[in-house]
C-alpha atoms as a PDB file:
ATOM      1  CA  MET A   1       0.006  -0.037   0.040  1.00  0.00           C
ATOM      2  CA  ALA A   2       2.575   2.642  -1.320  1.00  0.00           C
ATOM      3  CA  THR A   3      -0.069   5.100  -2.108  1.00  0.00           C
ATOM      4  CA  LEU A   4      -3.040   4.581   0.132  1.00  0.00           C
ATOM      5  CA  LYS A   5      -2.294   5.334   3.709  1.00  0.00           C
ATOM      6  CA  GLN A   6      -4.113   6.433   6.618  1.00  0.00           C
ATOM      7  CA  PRO A   7      -5.990   8.510   7.050  1.00  0.00           C
ATOM      8  CA  GLN A   8      -6.498   8.812   3.265  1.00  0.00           C
ATOM      9  CA  LEU A   9      -6.981   4.869   3.342  1.00  0.00           C
ATOM     10  CA  GLY A  10      -9.904   5.089   5.879  1.00  0.00           C
ATOM     11  CA  GLN A  11     -11.605   8.152   4.073  1.00  0.00           C
ATOM     12  CA  THR A  12     -11.431   6.076   0.674  1.00  0.00           C
ATOM     13  CA  ILE A  13     -13.221   3.163   2.323  1.00  0.00           C
ATOM     14  CA  LEU A  14     -15.785   5.321   4.135  1.00  0.00           C
ATOM     15  CA  THR A  15     -16.431   7.279   0.879  1.00  0.00           C
ATOM     16  CA  LEU A  16     -16.813   4.101  -1.375  1.00  0.00           C
ATOM     17  CA  ARG A  17     -19.112   2.620   1.110  1.00  0.00           C
ATOM     18  CA  GLN A  18     -21.318   5.626   1.305  1.00  0.00           C
ATOM     19  CA  GLU A  19     -21.716   5.855  -2.515  1.00  0.00           C
ATOM     20  CA  LYS A  20     -22.771   2.311  -2.766  1.00  0.00           C
ATOM     21  CA  LYS A  21     -25.137   3.043   0.118  1.00  0.00           C
ATOM     22  CA  ILE A  22     -23.885   0.098   2.189  1.00  0.00           C
ATOM     23  CA  THR A  23     -24.050  -0.025   6.057  1.00  0.00           C
ATOM     24  CA  GLN A  24     -20.952  -1.038   8.274  1.00  0.00           C
ATOM     25  CA  GLU A  25     -22.851  -3.972   9.343  1.00  0.00           C
ATOM     26  CA  GLU A  26     -23.638  -5.001   5.772  1.00  0.00           C
ATOM     27  CA  LEU A  27     -20.111  -4.588   4.715  1.00  0.00           C
ATOM     28  CA  VAL A  28     -18.426  -6.749   7.530  1.00  0.00           C
ATOM     29  CA  GLU A  29     -20.908  -9.337   6.870  1.00  0.00           C
ATOM     30  CA  ARG A  30     -19.519  -9.695   3.190  1.00  0.00           C
ATOM     31  CA  CYS A  31     -15.781  -9.342   4.598  1.00  0.00           C
ATOM     32  CA  ASN A  32     -15.849 -11.548   7.701  1.00  0.00           C
ATOM     33  CA  VAL A  33     -14.099  -8.580   9.827  1.00  0.00           C
ATOM     34  CA  SER A  34     -15.884  -7.021  13.021  1.00  0.00           C
ATOM     35  CA  VAL A  35     -17.611  -3.973  12.958  1.00  0.00           C
ATOM     36  CA  ARG A  36     -15.180  -2.521  15.577  1.00  0.00           C
ATOM     37  CA  THR A  37     -12.221  -3.203  12.926  1.00  0.00           C
ATOM     38  CA  LEU A  38     -14.099  -1.482  10.039  1.00  0.00           C
ATOM     39  CA  GLN A  39     -14.961   1.720  12.246  1.00  0.00           C
ATOM     40  CA  ARG A  40     -11.209   1.875  13.219  1.00  0.00           C
ATOM     41  CA  ILE A  41     -10.029   1.549   9.733  1.00  0.00           C
ATOM     42  CA  GLU A  42     -12.503   4.121   8.481  1.00  0.00           C
ATOM     43  CA  ALA A  43     -11.380   6.424  11.439  1.00  0.00           C
ATOM     44  CA  GLY A  44      -7.814   6.166  10.324  1.00  0.00           C
ATOM     45  CA  GLU A  45      -6.705   4.591  13.659  1.00  0.00           C
ATOM     46  CA  VAL A  46      -5.280   1.364  12.223  1.00  0.00           C
ATOM     47  CA  THR A  47      -3.860   0.294   9.152  1.00  0.00           C
ATOM     48  CA  PRO A  48      -5.206  -2.848   7.753  1.00  0.00           C
ATOM     49  CA  ARG A  49      -3.274  -5.848   6.136  1.00  0.00           C
ATOM     50  CA  GLU A  50      -3.349  -5.481   2.295  1.00  0.00           C
ATOM     51  CA  SER A  51      -5.155  -8.729   1.989  1.00  0.00           C
ATOM     52  CA  THR A  52      -7.932  -7.210   4.341  1.00  0.00           C
ATOM     53  CA  MET A  53      -7.849  -4.233   2.270  1.00  0.00           C
ATOM     54  CA  ARG A  54      -8.395  -6.061  -1.145  1.00  0.00           C
ATOM     55  CA  ILE A  55     -11.371  -8.090   0.604  1.00  0.00           C
ATOM     56  CA  LEU A  56     -12.963  -4.777   1.700  1.00  0.00           C
ATOM     57  CA  LEU A  57     -12.595  -3.126  -1.814  1.00  0.00           C
ATOM     58  CA  GLU A  58     -13.851  -6.207  -3.540  1.00  0.00           C
ATOM     59  CA  ALA A  59     -16.931  -6.356  -1.372  1.00  0.00           C
ATOM     60  CA  LEU A  60     -17.563  -2.654  -2.322  1.00  0.00           C
ATOM     61  CA  GLY A  61     -17.070  -3.646  -6.030  1.00  0.00           C
ATOM     62  CA  TYR A  62     -13.721  -2.141  -6.557  1.00  0.00           C
ATOM     63  CA  GLN A  63     -10.344  -3.241  -7.533  1.00  0.00           C
ATOM     64  CA  TYR A  64      -7.505  -2.247  -5.449  1.00  0.00           C
ATOM     65  CA  THR A  65      -5.582  -0.972  -8.340  1.00  0.00           C
ATOM     66  CA  GLU A  66      -8.459   1.253  -9.641  1.00  0.00           C
ATOM     67  CA  VAL A  67      -8.816   2.920  -6.045  1.00  0.00           C
ATOM     68  CA  GLU A  68      -5.114   3.471  -5.788  1.00  0.00           C
ATOM     69  CA  GLN A  69      -5.099   4.993  -9.301  1.00  0.00           C
ATOM     70  CA  SER A  70      -8.041   7.134  -8.248  1.00  0.00           C
ATOM     71  CA  ALA A  71      -6.319   8.283  -5.122  1.00  0.00           C
ATOM     72  CA  LYS A  72      -3.117   9.443  -6.985  1.00  0.00           C
ATOM     73  CA  THR A  73      -5.368  11.400  -9.440  1.00  0.00           C
ATOM     74  CA  LYS A  74      -7.269  13.117  -6.721  1.00  0.00           C
ATOM     75  CA  LYS A  75      -3.818  13.957  -5.079  1.00  0.00           C
ATOM     76  CA  ASN A  76      -2.535  15.220  -8.547  1.00  0.00           C
ATOM     77  CA  LYS A  77      -5.643  17.408  -8.882  1.00  0.00           C
ATOM     78  CA  GLU A  78      -5.261  18.877  -5.436  1.00  0.00           C
ATOM     79  CA  ILE A  79      -1.461  19.709  -6.095  1.00  0.00           C
ATOM     80  CA  LEU A  80      -2.352  21.258  -9.261  1.00  0.00           C
ATOM     81  CA  LEU A  81      -5.220  23.481  -7.868  1.00  0.00           C
ATOM     82  CA  TYR A  82      -2.687  24.735  -5.371  1.00  0.00           C
ATOM     83  CA  ALA A  83      -0.165  25.297  -7.986  1.00  0.00           C
ATOM     84  CA  LEU A  84      -2.537  27.361 -10.024  1.00  0.00           C
ATOM     85  CA  ILE A  85      -3.598  29.408  -7.091  1.00  0.00           C
ATOM     86  CA  GLY A  86       0.125  29.948  -6.064  1.00  0.00           C
ATOM     87  CA  GLY A  87       0.988  30.819  -9.640  1.00  0.00           C
ATOM     88  CA  CYS A  88      -1.869  33.395  -9.819  1.00  0.00           C
ATOM     89  CA  ILE A  89      -0.599  35.004  -6.362  1.00  0.00           C
ATOM     90  CA  TYR A  90       3.078  35.089  -7.739  1.00  0.00           C
ATOM     91  CA  PHE A  91       2.017  36.604 -11.005  1.00  0.00           C
ATOM     92  CA  GLY A  92      -0.043  39.306  -9.431  1.00  0.00           C
ATOM     93  CA  LEU A  93       2.465  40.207  -6.779  1.00  0.00           C
ATOM     94  CA  GLY A  94       5.185  40.245  -9.614  1.00  0.00           C
ATOM     95  CA  PHE A  95       3.981  43.870 -10.664  1.00  0.00           C
ATOM     96  CA  LEU A  96       3.848  45.003  -6.974  1.00  0.00           C
ATOM     97  CA  GLU A  97       7.283  43.852  -6.503  1.00  0.00           C
ATOM     98  CA  ALA A  98       8.687  45.530  -9.629  1.00  0.00           C
ATOM     99  CA  ILE A  99       7.239  48.977  -7.973  1.00  0.00           C
ATOM    100  CA  ALA A 100       8.694  47.977  -4.655  1.00  0.00           C
ATOM    101  CA  ASP A 101      12.155  47.385  -6.253  1.00  0.00           C
ATOM    102  CA  SER A 102      12.165  50.415  -8.172  1.00  0.00           C
ATOM    103  CA  THR A 103      11.181  52.741  -5.185  1.00  0.00           C
ATOM    104  CA  ARG A 104      13.254  50.876  -2.422  1.00  0.00           C
ATOM    105  CA  PHE A 105      15.921  53.503  -2.696  1.00  0.00           C
ATOM    106  CA  ASP A 106      13.678  56.624  -2.552  1.00  0.00           C
ATOM    107  CA  SER A 107      14.481  58.784   0.547  1.00  0.00           C
ATOM    108  CA  ASP A 108      11.006  59.575   1.521  1.00  0.00           C
ATOM    109  CA  LEU A 109       9.818  55.990   2.191  1.00  0.00           C
ATOM    110  CA  PRO A 110       8.116  55.216   5.610  1.00  0.00           C
ATOM    111  CA  ALA A 111      10.145  53.402   8.105  1.00  0.00           C
ATOM    112  CA  TYR A 112       7.937  50.296   7.864  1.00  0.00           C
ATOM    113  CA  PHE A 113       8.545  50.048   4.245  1.00  0.00           C
ATOM    114  CA  PRO A 114      11.257  47.277   4.682  1.00  0.00           C
ATOM    115  CA  TRP A 115       8.783  45.095   6.558  1.00  0.00           C
ATOM    116  CA  ILE A 116       6.012  45.572   3.850  1.00  0.00           C
ATOM    117  CA  TYR A 117       8.887  44.714   1.258  1.00  0.00           C
ATOM    118  CA  THR A 118       9.513  41.516   3.298  1.00  0.00           C
ATOM    119  CA  VAL A 119       6.079  40.169   3.413  1.00  0.00           C
ATOM    120  CA  ILE A 120       5.691  40.822  -0.373  1.00  0.00           C
ATOM    121  CA  LYS A 121       8.703  38.908  -1.088  1.00  0.00           C
ATOM    122  CA  LEU A 122       7.754  36.050   1.363  1.00  0.00           C
ATOM    123  CA  ILE A 123       4.240  35.746  -0.258  1.00  0.00           C
ATOM    124  CA  SER A 124       5.700  35.718  -3.728  1.00  0.00           C
ATOM    125  CA  VAL A 125       8.442  33.029  -2.923  1.00  0.00           C
ATOM    126  CA  THR A 126       5.556  30.958  -1.515  1.00  0.00           C
ATOM    127  CA  GLY A 127       3.179  31.358  -4.240  1.00  0.00           C
ATOM    128  CA  TYR A 128       6.111  30.433  -6.743  1.00  0.00           C
ATOM    129  CA  PHE A 129       6.868  27.176  -4.638  1.00  0.00           C
ATOM    130  CA  PHE A 130       3.449  25.853  -5.118  1.00  0.00           C
ATOM    131  CA  MET A 131       3.500  26.751  -8.795  1.00  0.00           C
ATOM    132  CA  MET A 132       6.858  24.940  -9.207  1.00  0.00           C
ATOM    133  CA  HIS A 133       5.862  22.051  -7.111  1.00  0.00           C
ATOM    134  CA  GLY A 134       2.723  21.560  -9.511  1.00  0.00           C
ATOM    135  CA  PHE A 135       5.108  21.286 -12.482  1.00  0.00           C
ATOM    136  CA  ALA A 136       7.653  19.116 -10.644  1.00  0.00           C
ATOM    137  CA  THR A 137       4.950  16.823  -9.692  1.00  0.00           C
ATOM    138  CA  MET A 138       3.602  16.231 -13.354  1.00  0.00           C
ATOM    139  CA  HIS A 139       6.898  14.776 -14.491  1.00  0.00           C
ATOM    140  CA  ASN A 140       5.961  11.213 -14.278  1.00  0.00           C
ATOM    141  CA  ILE A 141       2.616  11.581 -15.988  1.00  0.00           C
ATOM    142  CA  TYR A 142       3.769  13.328 -18.986  1.00  0.00           C
ATOM    143  CA  GLN A 143       7.113  11.279 -18.790  1.00  0.00           C
ATOM    144  CA  VAL A 144       9.398  14.434 -18.767  1.00  0.00           C
ATOM    145  CA  PRO A 145      12.013  13.770 -16.007  1.00  0.00           C
ATOM    146  CA  LEU A 146      13.861  17.032 -16.752  1.00  0.00           C
ATOM    147  CA  LEU A 147      10.485  18.880 -15.535  1.00  0.00           C
ATOM    148  CA  LYS A 148      10.997  17.846 -11.898  1.00  0.00           C
ATOM    149  CA  ILE A 149      14.893  18.943 -11.778  1.00  0.00           C
ATOM    150  CA  SER A 150      14.201  22.200 -13.651  1.00  0.00           C
ATOM    151  CA  ALA A 151      11.127  23.336 -11.723  1.00  0.00           C
ATOM    152  CA  TYR A 152      12.827  22.888  -8.467  1.00  0.00           C
ATOM    153  CA  LEU A 153      15.989  24.506  -9.671  1.00  0.00           C
ATOM    154  CA  MET A 154      13.859  27.367 -10.768  1.00  0.00           C
ATOM    155  CA  PHE A 155      12.377  27.752  -7.346  1.00  0.00           C
ATOM    156  CA  GLY A 156      15.842  27.322  -5.768  1.00  0.00           C
ATOM    157  CA  ALA A 157      17.126  30.284  -7.880  1.00  0.00           C
ATOM    158  CA  PHE A 158      14.197  32.424  -7.198  1.00  0.00           C
ATOM    159  CA  ALA A 159      14.178  31.763  -3.419  1.00  0.00           C
ATOM    160  CA  ILE A 160      17.858  32.532  -3.213  1.00  0.00           C
ATOM    161  CA  ILE A 161      17.094  36.065  -5.180  1.00  0.00           C
ATOM    162  CA  GLU A 162      14.156  36.769  -2.785  1.00  0.00           C
ATOM    163  CA  VAL A 163      15.825  36.257   0.463  1.00  0.00           C
ATOM    164  CA  TYR A 164      18.901  38.157  -0.966  1.00  0.00           C
ATOM    165  CA  ASP A 165      16.458  41.214  -1.550  1.00  0.00           C
ATOM    166  CA  VAL A 166      15.043  40.813   1.796  1.00  0.00           C
ATOM    167  CA  ILE A 167      18.603  40.903   3.539  1.00  0.00           C
ATOM    168  CA  SER A 168      19.910  43.680   1.569  1.00  0.00           C
ATOM    169  CA  ILE A 169      16.975  46.163   2.246  1.00  0.00           C
ATOM    170  CA  PHE A 170      18.042  45.980   5.977  1.00  0.00           C
ATOM    171  CA  SER A 171      21.690  46.838   4.927  1.00  0.00           C
ATOM    172  CA  SER A 172      23.391  50.085   3.763  1.00  0.00           C
ATOM    173  CA  MET A 173      23.568  48.935  -0.038  1.00  0.00           C
ATOM    174  CA  SER A 174      23.484  51.643  -2.590  1.00  0.00           C
ATOM    175  CA  ALA A 175      21.245  51.551  -5.669  1.00  0.00           C
ATOM    176  CA  GLU A 176      24.208  51.111  -7.905  1.00  0.00           C
ATOM    177  CA  GLU A 177      25.434  47.967  -5.803  1.00  0.00           C
ATOM    178  CA  PHE A 178      21.822  46.478  -5.879  1.00  0.00           C
ATOM    179  CA  MET A 179      21.456  46.985  -9.425  1.00  0.00           C
ATOM    180  CA  PHE A 180      24.721  45.282 -10.284  1.00  0.00           C
ATOM    181  CA  VAL A 181      23.827  42.271  -7.968  1.00  0.00           C
ATOM    182  CA  LYS A 182      20.404  42.076  -9.711  1.00  0.00           C
ATOM    183  CA  GLY A 183      22.150  41.836 -13.003  1.00  0.00           C
ATOM    184  CA  ILE A 184      24.090  38.797 -11.827  1.00  0.00           C
ATOM    185  CA  GLU A 185      21.118  37.173 -10.375  1.00  0.00           C
ATOM    186  CA  ALA A 186      19.586  37.805 -13.818  1.00  0.00           C
ATOM    187  CA  VAL A 187      22.458  35.882 -15.407  1.00  0.00           C
ATOM    188  CA  THR A 188      22.163  32.982 -13.034  1.00  0.00           C
ATOM    189  CA  PHE A 189      18.472  32.742 -13.162  1.00  0.00           C
ATOM    190  CA  GLY A 190      18.591  32.802 -16.932  1.00  0.00           C
ATOM    191  CA  GLY A 191      20.581  29.606 -17.028  1.00  0.00           C
ATOM    192  CA  ALA A 192      17.665  27.926 -14.959  1.00  0.00           C
ATOM    193  CA  ASP A 193      15.200  29.402 -17.420  1.00  0.00           C
ATOM    194  CA  ILE A 194      16.888  27.969 -20.319  1.00  0.00           C
ATOM    195  CA  ILE A 195      16.496  24.430 -18.625  1.00  0.00           C
ATOM    196  CA  PHE A 196      13.159  24.963 -17.471  1.00  0.00           C
ATOM    197  CA  GLY A 197      12.171  25.945 -20.941  1.00  0.00           C
ATOM    198  CA  ILE A 198      13.675  22.752 -22.579  1.00  0.00           C
ATOM    199  CA  ALA A 199      11.418  20.853 -20.129  1.00  0.00           C
ATOM    200  CA  LEU A 200       8.282  22.694 -21.112  1.00  0.00           C
ATOM    201  CA  PHE A 201       8.854  22.431 -24.831  1.00  0.00           C
ATOM    202  CA  LYS A 202       9.256  18.537 -24.348  1.00  0.00           C
ATOM    203  CA  LEU A 203       5.867  18.756 -22.363  1.00  0.00           C
ATOM    204  CA  GLY A 204       4.465  19.951 -25.572  1.00  0.00           C
ATOM    205  CA  ASN A 205       4.586  16.268 -26.875  1.00  0.00           C
ATOM    206  CA  SER A 206       1.686  15.636 -24.638  1.00  0.00           C
ATOM    207  CA  LEU A 207       0.105  18.995 -23.954  1.00  0.00           C
ATOM    208  CA  GLY A 208       0.455  20.424 -27.387  1.00  0.00           C
ATOM    209  CA  ILE A 209       1.101  24.152 -28.618  1.00  0.00           C
ATOM    210  CA  THR A 210       0.624  25.918 -25.229  1.00  0.00           C
ATOM    211  CA  ALA A 211       3.457  24.040 -23.548  1.00  0.00           C
ATOM    212  CA  LYS A 212       5.661  24.466 -26.473  1.00  0.00           C
ATOM    213  CA  LEU A 213       4.877  28.214 -26.694  1.00  0.00           C
ATOM    214  CA  ALA A 214       5.742  28.609 -22.972  1.00  0.00           C
ATOM    215  CA  GLY A 215       8.867  26.589 -23.408  1.00  0.00           C
ATOM    216  CA  VAL A 216      10.203  28.806 -26.254  1.00  0.00           C
ATOM    217  CA  PHE A 217       9.373  31.917 -24.310  1.00  0.00           C
ATOM    218  CA  GLU A 218      11.210  30.566 -21.233  1.00  0.00           C
ATOM    219  CA  ILE A 219      14.194  29.801 -23.464  1.00  0.00           C
ATOM    220  CA  LEU A 220      14.173  33.419 -24.734  1.00  0.00           C
ATOM    221  CA  VAL A 221      13.632  34.925 -21.243  1.00  0.00           C
ATOM    222  CA  GLY A 222      16.848  32.862 -20.205  1.00  0.00           C
ATOM    223  CA  ILE A 223      18.868  34.030 -23.240  1.00  0.00           C
ATOM    224  CA  LEU A 224      18.077  37.586 -22.463  1.00  0.00           C
ATOM    225  CA  PHE A 225      18.780  37.419 -18.795  1.00  0.00           C
ATOM    226  CA  MET A 226      22.115  35.838 -19.329  1.00  0.00           C
ATOM    227  CA  SER A 227      22.919  38.521 -21.923  1.00  0.00           C
ATOM    228  CA  PHE A 228      23.025  41.105 -18.770  1.00  0.00           C
ATOM    229  CA  PHE A 229      22.501  44.132 -20.843  1.00  0.00           C
ATOM    230  CA  LEU A 230      19.075  42.936 -22.345  1.00  0.00           C
ATOM    231  CA  ALA A 231      17.633  41.502 -18.935  1.00  0.00           C
ATOM    232  CA  PHE A 232      15.107  44.245 -18.852  1.00  0.00           C
ATOM    233  CA  MET A 233      13.665  42.806 -22.269  1.00  0.00           C
ATOM    234  CA  GLY A 234      13.401  39.344 -20.514  1.00  0.00           C
ATOM    235  CA  LEU A 235      11.258  40.719 -17.811  1.00  0.00           C
ATOM    236  CA  PHE A 236       8.547  41.574 -20.553  1.00  0.00           C
ATOM    237  CA  LEU A 237       8.689  38.107 -22.183  1.00  0.00           C
ATOM    238  CA  LEU A 238       8.516  36.607 -18.741  1.00  0.00           C
ATOM    239  CA  ILE A 239       5.062  37.972 -18.218  1.00  0.00           C
ATOM    240  CA  LEU A 240       4.024  36.258 -21.383  1.00  0.00           C
ATOM    241  CA  ALA A 241       5.699  32.996 -20.277  1.00  0.00           C
ATOM    242  CA  THR A 242       3.989  33.055 -16.700  1.00  0.00           C
ATOM    243  CA  LEU A 243       0.707  33.683 -18.279  1.00  0.00           C
ATOM    244  CA  LEU A 244       1.317  30.615 -20.472  1.00  0.00           C
ATOM    245  CA  GLU A 245       2.319  28.461 -17.633  1.00  0.00           C
ATOM    246  CA  LEU A 246      -0.779  29.153 -15.607  1.00  0.00           C
ATOM    247  CA  VAL A 247      -2.849  28.298 -18.841  1.00  0.00           C
ATOM    248  CA  LEU A 248      -0.745  24.955 -18.844  1.00  0.00           C
ATOM    249  CA  LEU A 249      -1.273  24.463 -15.269  1.00  0.00           C
ATOM    250  CA  TYR A 250      -5.139  24.809 -15.598  1.00  0.00           C
ATOM    251  CA  HIS A 251      -5.043  22.462 -18.903  1.00  0.00           C
ATOM    252  CA  MET A 252      -3.343  19.724 -16.517  1.00  0.00           C
ATOM    253  CA  TYR A 253      -5.864  20.373 -13.773  1.00  0.00           C
ATOM    254  CA  GLU A 254      -8.723  19.946 -16.248  1.00  0.00           C
ATOM    255  CA  HIS A 255      -7.177  16.729 -17.539  1.00  0.00           C
ATOM    256  CA  GLN A 256      -6.971  15.322 -13.720  1.00  0.00           C
ATOM    257  CA  SER A 257     -10.517  16.330 -13.270  1.00  0.00           C
ATOM    258  CA  ASN A 258     -11.829  14.638 -16.412  1.00  0.00           C
ATOM    259  CA  LYS A 259      -9.638  11.632 -15.454  1.00  0.00           C
ATOM    260  CA  MET A 260     -11.410  11.432 -12.016  1.00  0.00           C
ATOM    261  CA  ILE A 261     -14.702  11.617 -13.750  1.00  0.00           C
ATOM    262  CA  ALA A 262     -13.848   8.731 -16.051  1.00  0.00           C
ATOM    263  CA  ASN A 263     -12.613   6.845 -13.384  1.00  0.00           C
ATOM    264  CA  THR A 264     -15.769   7.185 -11.347  1.00  0.00           C
ATOM    265  CA  ALA A 265     -18.092   6.505 -14.404  1.00  0.00           C
ATOM    266  CA  LYS A 266     -15.979   3.322 -14.972  1.00  0.00           C
ATOM    267  CA  SER A 267     -16.523   2.054 -11.258  1.00  0.00           C
ATOM    268  CA  ILE A 268     -20.150   2.594 -11.421  1.00  0.00           C
END
């Protein structure tokens, strides 16, 4: 039972039993287990042997592999939903971040500005993590191993940049020093962009033109960032790339939703 574990295991049995409108007493009669044992399984208090699990599922008219696959699909759907929400937060805050970065050296800023700046950065990096985690989780489904590596590489690079920005605002760094460091960050992030773009382009073999376009834009963003002097142009392309990636996450979410519906219809 590599996938189905407590409490998910018990909740799955409970849901399937209720869908079939079978009482606990009726189910235990078919499985030769006690009501108390079934109650503890459904409550997530105990993990039954796999043989007991198979007997319970067969009594409910399901195969263990079908339920296991359904649980995987449901989990993937949840991850993609969080990825989509996180991505939207990251995208929306990106414009606010740009304003904050461009005004952080103004002399008339309120004393609490560094703390607002920090909050913006923390929320942004959290949203970005969920977004990249969504892509990384899908590498097995769409058979693109590079997707997982590149997605976490992107998050790692982004997190380092955001942490540095927060630390630097509490220091005495000048605007010139900050912009020079941002240029170095752009070059570093550009390399991760290119790798991620290649992975997205490969994803296009399964998800079509949207994935391929997102991949092309990410590669172009990476090239512009690595050029150092054209990094500002990469920021505009990054907006388009991110929008395409959000559309891509939505398509993957829809695909998992349709898969759940198909699995449910198949088991009825």
